[in-house]
Protein backbone atom coordinates (compact mmCIF):
# COMPACT_ATOMS: atom_id res chain seq x y z
CA MET A 1 122.79 99.28 122.40
CA PRO A 2 124.85 101.83 124.54
CA PRO A 3 122.65 103.83 126.98
CA GLU A 4 123.76 107.15 125.31
CA MET A 5 122.37 106.05 122.04
CA VAL A 6 118.70 106.77 121.56
CA CYS A 7 116.72 105.18 118.87
CA VAL A 8 114.68 107.52 116.82
CA PHE A 9 113.47 104.92 114.35
CA PRO A 10 109.87 105.85 113.39
CA MET A 11 107.12 103.59 114.79
CA LYS A 12 105.18 101.92 112.04
CA LYS A 13 101.56 101.48 112.76
CA THR A 14 100.04 98.59 110.87
CA ILE A 15 96.40 99.24 109.93
CA VAL A 16 94.06 96.84 111.72
CA GLN A 17 90.92 96.30 109.48
CA ILE A 18 87.78 94.33 110.57
CA TYR A 19 84.87 92.97 108.51
CA GLU A 20 81.82 92.35 108.24
CA VAL A 21 80.20 94.85 110.64
CA GLN A 22 76.59 95.91 109.95
CA ASN A 23 75.54 97.85 113.13
CA PRO A 24 76.68 101.01 114.85
CA LYS A 25 77.07 99.72 118.46
CA GLU A 26 79.44 97.03 117.15
CA ALA A 27 81.33 99.53 115.03
CA GLU A 28 81.86 101.84 118.12
CA ALA A 29 83.07 99.02 120.25
CA LEU A 30 85.67 98.10 117.61
CA VAL A 31 86.90 101.69 117.28
CA ALA A 32 87.31 101.76 121.05
CA LEU A 33 89.46 98.51 120.91
CA GLY A 34 91.80 100.31 118.44
CA VAL A 35 90.43 99.08 114.98
CA ASP A 36 91.43 101.41 112.17
CA HIS A 37 89.18 100.40 109.31
CA ILE A 38 85.88 98.71 109.57
CA GLY A 39 83.87 97.33 106.70
CA SER A 40 80.35 96.60 105.89
CA VAL A 41 78.82 94.48 103.16
CA LEU A 42 75.99 95.11 100.79
CA LEU A 43 74.41 91.86 99.92
CA ASP A 44 71.35 92.74 97.88
CA PRO A 45 71.19 95.31 95.22
CA VAL A 46 67.44 95.24 95.25
CA LYS A 47 67.43 96.31 98.89
CA LEU A 48 70.14 98.85 98.45
CA LYS A 49 69.33 101.21 101.14
CA ASN A 50 69.91 99.85 104.63
CA ALA A 51 69.42 102.37 107.45
CA ALA A 52 71.50 100.36 109.90
CA ILE A 53 74.49 100.09 107.68
CA ARG A 54 74.20 103.95 106.89
CA LYS A 55 74.23 104.50 110.60
CA THR A 56 77.17 102.19 111.04
CA VAL A 57 79.26 104.03 108.36
CA ARG A 58 78.51 107.44 110.17
CA ALA A 59 79.42 105.92 113.59
CA ILE A 60 82.68 104.79 112.31
CA GLN A 61 83.57 108.11 110.81
CA GLN A 62 82.48 110.03 113.80
CA ALA A 63 84.64 107.87 116.07
CA GLY A 64 87.69 108.66 113.95
CA ALA A 65 88.15 105.39 112.03
CA LYS A 66 87.62 104.70 108.28
CA SER A 67 84.49 103.03 107.00
CA GLY A 68 84.63 100.58 104.12
CA LEU A 69 81.96 99.12 101.91
CA ILE A 70 81.87 96.09 99.79
CA PRO A 71 79.15 95.75 97.17
CA LEU A 72 78.54 92.20 96.30
CA PHE A 73 77.00 92.98 92.94
CA LYS A 74 78.50 94.26 89.79
CA ASP A 75 76.06 96.79 88.14
CA PRO A 76 77.93 100.13 87.98
CA VAL A 77 74.70 102.13 88.37
CA LYS A 78 73.77 100.35 91.67
CA ILE A 79 77.33 100.81 92.93
CA TYR A 80 77.11 104.65 92.35
CA HIS A 81 73.56 104.71 94.11
CA ALA A 82 75.27 102.92 97.00
CA LEU A 83 78.17 105.36 97.24
CA ASP A 84 75.85 108.26 97.04
CA TYR A 85 73.72 106.95 99.83
CA TYR A 86 76.51 105.55 102.24
CA GLN A 87 79.45 107.89 101.34
CA PRO A 88 82.03 105.42 102.93
CA ASP A 89 85.70 106.39 103.28
CA PHE A 90 86.69 103.56 100.92
CA VAL A 91 84.88 101.08 98.57
CA HIS A 92 86.19 97.69 98.36
CA PHE A 93 86.03 95.62 95.15
CA CYS A 94 86.63 91.81 95.73
CA ASP A 95 85.67 90.20 92.43
CA VAL A 96 87.70 87.00 91.81
CA LEU A 97 90.58 87.73 89.35
CA SER A 98 92.23 84.25 88.84
CA PRO A 99 96.00 84.28 88.75
CA PHE A 100 95.94 80.79 87.36
CA PRO A 101 97.51 80.59 83.88
CA ALA A 102 94.64 78.55 82.30
CA ASP A 103 92.16 81.13 83.13
CA GLN A 104 93.87 84.25 81.72
CA ALA A 105 91.60 84.77 78.61
CA PRO A 106 88.41 85.41 80.53
CA VAL A 107 90.41 87.32 83.31
CA VAL A 108 91.56 89.78 80.64
CA ARG A 109 88.11 90.62 79.71
CA GLU A 110 86.88 90.90 83.32
CA SER A 111 89.87 92.98 84.33
CA GLU A 112 89.15 95.52 81.51
CA ALA A 113 85.68 96.03 82.80
CA LEU A 114 86.81 96.36 86.46
CA LEU A 115 89.64 98.84 85.47
CA TRP A 116 87.02 100.88 83.76
CA LEU A 117 84.71 100.82 86.70
CA GLN A 118 87.42 101.83 89.24
CA ALA A 119 88.59 104.67 86.94
CA ASP A 120 84.97 105.94 86.71
CA VAL A 121 84.52 105.79 90.47
CA LYS A 122 87.84 107.66 90.89
CA ASN A 123 86.49 110.44 88.67
CA ARG A 124 82.98 110.54 90.12
CA TYR A 125 84.05 110.20 93.85
CA PRO A 126 87.53 111.46 94.34
CA GLN A 127 86.97 111.66 98.04
CA ILE A 128 86.29 107.88 98.22
CA ALA A 129 89.31 105.66 98.27
CA ILE A 130 89.36 102.38 96.32
CA MET A 131 90.44 99.00 97.75
CA ARG A 132 91.14 96.11 95.21
CA SER A 133 91.37 92.47 96.26
CA LEU A 134 94.13 90.18 94.87
CA CYS A 135 93.47 86.62 94.96
CA VAL A 136 96.46 84.49 96.35
CA PRO A 137 95.89 80.65 96.45
CA LEU A 138 96.79 78.44 99.20
CA ALA A 139 100.42 77.51 99.79
CA GLY A 140 101.72 74.46 97.91
CA VAL A 141 99.69 75.10 94.75
CA SER A 142 101.29 74.16 91.40
CA GLN A 143 102.50 76.72 88.94
CA ALA A 144 103.36 79.07 91.72
CA ASN A 145 105.95 80.95 89.78
CA ASP A 146 103.40 81.78 86.94
CA ILE A 147 100.79 82.54 89.48
CA GLN A 148 103.00 85.04 91.20
CA LYS A 149 103.93 86.63 87.79
CA ASN A 150 100.19 87.15 86.91
CA LEU A 151 99.45 88.64 90.35
CA LEU A 152 102.42 91.12 90.00
CA ARG A 153 100.93 92.03 86.60
CA PHE A 154 97.44 92.46 88.08
CA ALA A 155 99.04 94.75 90.76
CA GLU A 156 100.76 96.82 88.11
CA LEU A 157 97.54 97.22 86.01
CA PHE A 158 95.31 98.15 89.00
CA ALA A 159 97.72 100.34 91.07
CA PRO A 160 96.88 103.55 89.01
CA VAL A 161 93.14 103.22 89.87
CA SER A 162 93.49 101.87 93.45
CA ASP A 163 94.54 103.21 96.82
CA TYR A 164 94.95 100.00 98.45
CA PHE A 165 95.43 96.41 97.61
CA LEU A 166 93.93 93.55 99.88
CA ILE A 167 95.47 90.02 99.66
CA ASP A 168 92.91 87.48 100.22
CA THR A 169 92.80 83.70 99.91
CA LEU A 170 91.52 81.87 96.80
CA ILE A 171 90.33 78.33 97.41
CA GLY A 172 90.87 76.25 94.36
CA SER A 173 91.04 77.43 90.76
CA PRO A 174 88.34 79.64 89.35
CA ALA A 175 87.15 77.12 87.12
CA GLY A 176 85.67 76.16 90.45
CA GLN A 177 84.53 79.49 91.83
CA SER A 178 81.99 77.61 93.83
CA SER A 179 84.83 76.77 96.20
CA GLN A 180 84.54 80.40 97.31
CA PRO A 181 82.08 81.03 100.04
CA VAL A 182 80.49 83.65 97.98
CA ALA A 183 80.58 82.60 94.24
CA GLY A 184 82.54 85.12 92.14
CA TYR A 185 84.00 87.03 95.09
CA VAL A 186 87.13 86.34 97.23
CA GLY A 187 87.09 86.36 101.06
CA ILE A 188 85.63 84.95 104.27
CA THR A 189 87.40 81.62 103.90
CA GLY A 190 89.22 81.64 107.24
CA GLU A 191 92.38 80.16 105.33
CA THR A 192 95.74 81.58 104.99
CA CYS A 193 97.17 82.14 101.53
CA ASP A 194 100.75 81.45 100.27
CA TRP A 195 102.73 83.99 102.24
CA ASN A 196 105.57 83.74 99.72
CA ILE A 197 103.46 85.03 96.98
CA ALA A 198 101.88 87.68 99.32
CA GLY A 199 105.30 88.83 100.34
CA ALA A 200 106.38 89.34 96.70
CA ILE A 201 103.29 91.52 96.05
CA ILE A 202 103.93 93.63 99.38
CA ALA A 203 107.55 94.19 98.46
CA SER A 204 106.88 95.29 94.90
CA SER A 205 103.58 97.20 95.23
CA GLN A 206 103.38 100.80 94.47
CA ILE A 207 100.47 101.34 96.99
CA PRO A 208 99.71 100.04 100.39
CA VAL A 209 98.83 96.36 100.71
CA ILE A 210 96.58 94.94 103.54
CA LEU A 211 97.02 91.16 104.17
CA ALA A 212 93.84 89.11 104.76
CA GLY A 213 93.05 85.48 104.87
CA GLY A 214 92.64 83.38 108.10
CA LEU A 215 94.23 86.08 110.28
CA SER A 216 93.68 86.03 114.02
CA GLY A 217 95.35 86.86 117.26
CA GLU A 218 97.18 83.81 116.92
CA ASN A 219 98.97 84.31 113.70
CA VAL A 220 98.89 88.12 113.01
CA PHE A 221 102.12 88.74 114.99
CA GLU A 222 104.05 86.29 112.67
CA ALA A 223 102.27 87.99 109.69
CA ILE A 224 103.34 91.43 110.50
CA THR A 225 106.96 90.54 111.51
CA THR A 226 107.55 88.40 108.60
CA LEU A 227 105.71 90.30 105.68
CA GLN A 228 105.47 93.90 107.07
CA PRO A 229 102.22 94.65 105.19
CA ALA A 230 100.69 98.08 105.49
CA GLY A 231 97.72 96.61 107.26
CA VAL A 232 96.08 93.36 108.31
CA ASP A 233 92.43 92.29 107.80
CA SER A 234 90.38 89.84 109.71
CA CYS A 235 86.79 88.63 109.29
CA THR A 236 86.09 84.93 109.86
CA ARG A 237 88.68 84.25 112.56
CA THR A 238 87.42 87.23 114.72
CA ASN A 239 83.71 86.33 114.40
CA ALA A 240 81.62 84.70 117.15
CA VAL A 241 80.95 81.17 116.85
CA ASP A 242 77.82 78.87 117.22
CA LYS A 243 77.50 75.96 119.52
CA GLN A 244 79.13 73.79 116.90
CA GLY A 245 82.15 76.21 116.73
CA ARG A 246 81.25 77.49 113.30
CA PRO A 247 81.87 81.24 112.66
CA VAL A 248 78.66 83.40 112.70
CA ARG A 249 78.82 85.98 109.87
CA PHE A 250 78.10 89.74 110.89
CA LYS A 251 78.93 89.09 114.52
CA LYS A 252 82.18 89.79 116.16
CA ASP A 253 83.94 88.36 119.22
CA MET A 254 85.39 91.35 120.95
CA LYS A 255 87.88 89.12 122.87
CA LYS A 256 89.26 87.84 119.65
CA VAL A 257 89.43 91.32 118.14
CA ARG A 258 91.23 92.72 121.34
CA GLN A 259 93.79 89.88 120.97
CA LEU A 260 94.46 90.67 117.30
CA VAL A 261 94.83 94.44 118.04
CA GLU A 262 97.29 93.76 120.85
CA GLU A 263 99.26 91.27 118.91
CA ALA A 264 99.50 93.79 115.97
CA LYS A 265 100.85 96.46 118.39
CA ARG A 266 103.29 93.89 119.89
CA ALA A 267 104.53 93.10 116.24
CA ASP A 268 104.94 96.83 115.39
CA GLU A 269 107.01 97.31 118.43
CA LEU A 270 109.48 94.54 117.49
CA VAL A 271 109.67 95.89 113.96
CA ARG A 272 110.59 99.25 115.47
CA GLN A 273 113.17 97.56 117.65
CA LYS A 274 114.71 95.68 114.73
CA GLY A 275 114.90 98.99 112.88
CA CYS A 276 116.66 100.57 115.86
CA ALA A 277 119.16 97.72 115.86
CA ASN A 278 119.80 98.01 112.25
CA ALA A 279 120.31 101.68 112.42
CA PHE A 280 123.12 101.28 114.84
């Protein structure tokens, strides 16, 4: 590029989202590293009110980041009570919606209930954004074209009642939901999904799409420069590990998070530079 030509191509900031964070000190440390969205998880509808998680939500908001909340239960009344108590910036619904052709009959029934729930949440809590997970299988799965068509249909259905989509990895077909770490919900697999299908969703979506599934400081640069999602999400691959090398839930490794944030920034800069080159 000639020296007299100045690039004014806008810098795209990829959202960095980290789960599962359950205490305020860890949340504050993540915000200090540059994390934009920080999510917590509600495991038990019977013990709905957790003072530590509520303090975590407030700490995130006071530090200038956005707090998210995943309820791992389906009762709408319990979900409303949780939203009243915690008042997060966004609620994240990650129920498994199978894209496999053989599963579409039960999925239609489930999606109707989830669409109604999200519409009601939007009406009751207009200040709280909604994130909806879309389940993308591992690469190499059979019937990939039909699976992609079903996922694009889900995206079209849920976009009017969602503010973000999150693409996450579905292990196996739903007839085997036990393959998921938390039965009935997608997430925390530590495995990457089919990026070709993910890319088709990102390219066609009417709303911002966050990419999850096995992301870490080692592959997030490739994910951003290849797919250019609105955001990237990490849980399992930025967790601390035990003596056997297994990820420890609800405990982050700050060095891993720092690497992920730095690699996301490096990817954003490369995307900006490519935009400048194309502009000239």
